[in-house]
């Protein structure tokens, strides 16, 4: 994948979607910039979240 030719602001790797599908579930992408009310609404409708590895810090230096 060449960054200069990639035309999408977000994506999800196919193997991550397959991982969820092979477990018998449907994959739903959660946008990284979703508002908190929309996230609360979405999370109330699903039964789990798969967070693949990456460079995102989920806990800051204060433990939050």
Foldseek 3Di string as FASTA:
>chain_A
DDPVPDDDPDDDDPVVQVVQVVVPHGDDDDDPPDDPVVVVVVVVVDDDDDDDDDDDDPADPVRD
